[in-house]
Amino acid sequence: MKVKPTMTFSHPRIEHGLVLMLFLTALFWYILWGILHNGEVTMLVSVLLVIPVFILAIAIDTVAVRWDERRLRTESEGNGSDDLESQLKASVDEKAEGGYGTF
């Protein structure tokens, strides 16, 4: 019997969102520490770091979602099903019920 690996999250957007939230929380405390100890220089550097991080997070999210859609599309072509939306919804519903889904 082959055992499928268990995934912690059901969709890449959730994973990237959590990583982004953790990073932004750390950045918030870094900015707060900088304001309290070093003044404006640390705050300016921290704010300038946020912009590329948001761009990178959006890019990663976009690529992951497109990759999933492309993978589902190729799987649906093999299964004879052309309705990508219904297949994606069924996969997410299966994940919500505790199954493995296609993600």
C-alpha atoms as a PDB file:
ATOM      1  CA  MET A   1       0.000   0.000   0.000  1.00  0.00           C
ATOM      2  CA  LYS A   2       1.410   3.360  -1.041  1.00  0.00           C
ATOM      3  CA  VAL A   3       1.092   6.172   1.510  1.00  0.00           C
ATOM      4  CA  LYS A   4       0.660   9.714   0.244  1.00  0.00           C
ATOM      5  CA  PRO A   5       2.548  12.405   2.147  1.00  0.00           C
ATOM      6  CA  THR A   6       0.343  14.626   4.271  1.00  0.00           C
ATOM      7  CA  MET A   7       0.439  18.313   3.438  1.00  0.00           C
ATOM      8  CA  THR A   8       0.001  20.835   6.217  1.00  0.00           C
ATOM      9  CA  PHE A   9      -1.865  23.405   4.123  1.00  0.00           C
ATOM     10  CA  SER A  10      -4.372  22.955   1.342  1.00  0.00           C
ATOM     11  CA  HIS A  11      -3.174  25.618  -1.081  1.00  0.00           C
ATOM     12  CA  PRO A  12       0.090  27.412  -1.941  1.00  0.00           C
ATOM     13  CA  ARG A  13      -1.540  30.803  -1.352  1.00  0.00           C
ATOM     14  CA  ILE A  14      -2.047  29.899   2.299  1.00  0.00           C
ATOM     15  CA  GLU A  15       1.560  28.782   2.693  1.00  0.00           C
ATOM     16  CA  HIS A  16       2.918  31.936   1.093  1.00  0.00           C
ATOM     17  CA  GLY A  17       0.561  34.067   3.145  1.00  0.00           C
ATOM     18  CA  LEU A  18       1.805  32.481   6.363  1.00  0.00           C
ATOM     19  CA  VAL A  19       5.436  32.959   5.387  1.00  0.00           C
ATOM     20  CA  LEU A  20       4.716  36.573   4.513  1.00  0.00           C
ATOM     21  CA  MET A  21       2.883  37.115   7.811  1.00  0.00           C
ATOM     22  CA  LEU A  22       5.796  35.669   9.788  1.00  0.00           C
ATOM     23  CA  PHE A  23       8.271  37.835   7.911  1.00  0.00           C
ATOM     24  CA  LEU A  24       6.176  40.968   8.367  1.00  0.00           C
ATOM     25  CA  THR A  25       5.767  40.248  12.085  1.00  0.00           C
ATOM     26  CA  ALA A  26       9.529  39.945  12.472  1.00  0.00           C
ATOM     27  CA  LEU A  27       9.981  43.090  10.401  1.00  0.00           C
ATOM     28  CA  PHE A  28       7.470  44.951  12.576  1.00  0.00           C
ATOM     29  CA  TRP A  29       9.414  44.080  15.737  1.00  0.00           C
ATOM     30  CA  TYR A  30      12.674  45.014  14.004  1.00  0.00           C
ATOM     31  CA  ILE A  31      11.213  48.404  13.040  1.00  0.00           C
ATOM     32  CA  LEU A  32       9.885  48.930  16.560  1.00  0.00           C
ATOM     33  CA  TRP A  33      13.260  48.025  18.063  1.00  0.00           C
ATOM     34  CA  GLY A  34      14.968  50.338  15.577  1.00  0.00           C
ATOM     35  CA  ILE A  35      12.718  53.259  16.443  1.00  0.00           C
ATOM     36  CA  LEU A  36      13.278  52.759  20.151  1.00  0.00           C
ATOM     37  CA  HIS A  37      17.053  52.273  19.961  1.00  0.00           C
ATOM     38  CA  ASN A  38      18.529  53.751  16.782  1.00  0.00           C
ATOM     39  CA  GLY A  39      16.086  56.358  15.563  1.00  0.00           C
ATOM     40  CA  GLU A  40      15.080  56.933  11.967  1.00  0.00           C
ATOM     41  CA  VAL A  41      17.909  55.179  10.085  1.00  0.00           C
ATOM     42  CA  THR A  42      16.840  51.635  10.985  1.00  0.00           C
ATOM     43  CA  MET A  43      13.210  52.465  10.284  1.00  0.00           C
ATOM     44  CA  LEU A  44      14.060  53.797   6.816  1.00  0.00           C
ATOM     45  CA  VAL A  45      16.094  50.699   5.944  1.00  0.00           C
ATOM     46  CA  SER A  46      13.307  48.429   7.229  1.00  0.00           C
ATOM     47  CA  VAL A  47      10.624  50.206   5.215  1.00  0.00           C
ATOM     48  CA  LEU A  48      12.776  49.948   2.084  1.00  0.00           C
ATOM     49  CA  LEU A  49      13.091  46.186   2.685  1.00  0.00           C
ATOM     50  CA  VAL A  50       9.309  45.714   2.725  1.00  0.00           C
ATOM     51  CA  ILE A  51       8.798  46.761  -0.919  1.00  0.00           C
ATOM     52  CA  PRO A  52      10.893  43.977  -2.545  1.00  0.00           C
ATOM     53  CA  VAL A  53       9.447  41.417  -0.129  1.00  0.00           C
ATOM     54  CA  PHE A  54       5.894  42.252  -1.202  1.00  0.00           C
ATOM     55  CA  ILE A  55       6.901  42.074  -4.874  1.00  0.00           C
ATOM     56  CA  LEU A  56       8.593  38.712  -4.287  1.00  0.00           C
ATOM     57  CA  ALA A  57       5.601  37.327  -2.357  1.00  0.00           C
ATOM     58  CA  ILE A  58       3.188  38.363  -5.110  1.00  0.00           C
ATOM     59  CA  ALA A  59       5.455  36.825  -7.772  1.00  0.00           C
ATOM     60  CA  ILE A  60       5.779  33.535  -5.876  1.00  0.00           C
ATOM     61  CA  ASP A  61       2.044  33.402  -5.291  1.00  0.00           C
ATOM     62  CA  THR A  62       1.252  34.086  -8.947  1.00  0.00           C
ATOM     63  CA  VAL A  63       3.696  31.461 -10.209  1.00  0.00           C
ATOM     64  CA  ALA A  64       2.422  28.835  -7.752  1.00  0.00           C
ATOM     65  CA  VAL A  65      -1.222  29.393  -8.648  1.00  0.00           C
ATOM     66  CA  ARG A  66      -0.506  29.329 -12.393  1.00  0.00           C
ATOM     67  CA  TRP A  67       1.537  26.156 -11.969  1.00  0.00           C
ATOM     68  CA  ASP A  68      -1.360  24.510 -10.101  1.00  0.00           C
ATOM     69  CA  GLU A  69      -3.853  25.606 -12.760  1.00  0.00           C
ATOM     70  CA  ARG A  70      -1.605  24.302 -15.544  1.00  0.00           C
ATOM     71  CA  ARG A  71      -1.130  20.990 -13.728  1.00  0.00           C
ATOM     72  CA  LEU A  72      -4.876  20.630 -13.168  1.00  0.00           C
ATOM     73  CA  ARG A  73      -5.528  21.502 -16.806  1.00  0.00           C
ATOM     74  CA  THR A  74      -3.152  18.799 -18.049  1.00  0.00           C
ATOM     75  CA  GLU A  75      -4.672  16.294 -15.618  1.00  0.00           C
ATOM     76  CA  SER A  76      -8.189  17.204 -16.744  1.00  0.00           C
ATOM     77  CA  GLU A  77      -7.206  16.737 -20.396  1.00  0.00           C
ATOM     78  CA  GLY A  78      -6.014  13.256 -19.517  1.00  0.00           C
ATOM     79  CA  ASN A  79      -9.238  12.499 -17.624  1.00  0.00           C
ATOM     80  CA  GLY A  80     -11.517  13.854 -20.326  1.00  0.00           C
ATOM     81  CA  SER A  81     -12.895  16.597 -18.077  1.00  0.00           C
ATOM     82  CA  ASP A  82     -12.707  20.114 -19.502  1.00  0.00           C
ATOM     83  CA  ASP A  83     -14.154  21.943 -16.516  1.00  0.00           C
ATOM     84  CA  LEU A  84     -11.112  23.188 -14.590  1.00  0.00           C
ATOM     85  CA  GLU A  85     -13.233  25.150 -12.090  1.00  0.00           C
ATOM     86  CA  SER A  86     -15.247  22.108 -11.006  1.00  0.00           C
ATOM     87  CA  GLN A  87     -12.127  19.970 -10.708  1.00  0.00           C
ATOM     88  CA  LEU A  88     -10.385  22.640  -8.622  1.00  0.00           C
ATOM     89  CA  LYS A  89     -13.466  23.022  -6.410  1.00  0.00           C
ATOM     90  CA  ALA A  90     -13.759  19.264  -5.952  1.00  0.00           C
ATOM     91  CA  SER A  91     -10.098  19.090  -5.005  1.00  0.00           C
ATOM     92  CA  VAL A  92     -10.465  21.868  -2.430  1.00  0.00           C
ATOM     93  CA  ASP A  93     -13.665  20.289  -1.058  1.00  0.00           C
ATOM     94  CA  GLU A  94     -11.881  16.966  -0.696  1.00  0.00           C
ATOM     95  CA  LYS A  95      -9.081  18.695   1.219  1.00  0.00           C
ATOM     96  CA  ALA A  96     -11.646  20.355   3.488  1.00  0.00           C
ATOM     97  CA  GLU A  97     -13.122  16.947   4.271  1.00  0.00           C
ATOM     98  CA  GLY A  98      -9.719  15.591   5.272  1.00  0.00           C
ATOM     99  CA  GLY A  99      -8.776  13.898   2.024  1.00  0.00           C
ATOM    100  CA  TYR A 100      -5.605  14.375   0.056  1.00  0.00           C
ATOM    101  CA  GLY A 101      -6.982  16.054  -3.065  1.00  0.00           C
ATOM    102  CA  THR A 102      -4.748  16.917  -5.991  1.00  0.00           C
ATOM    103  CA  PHE A 103      -2.634  19.610  -4.380  1.00  0.00           C
END
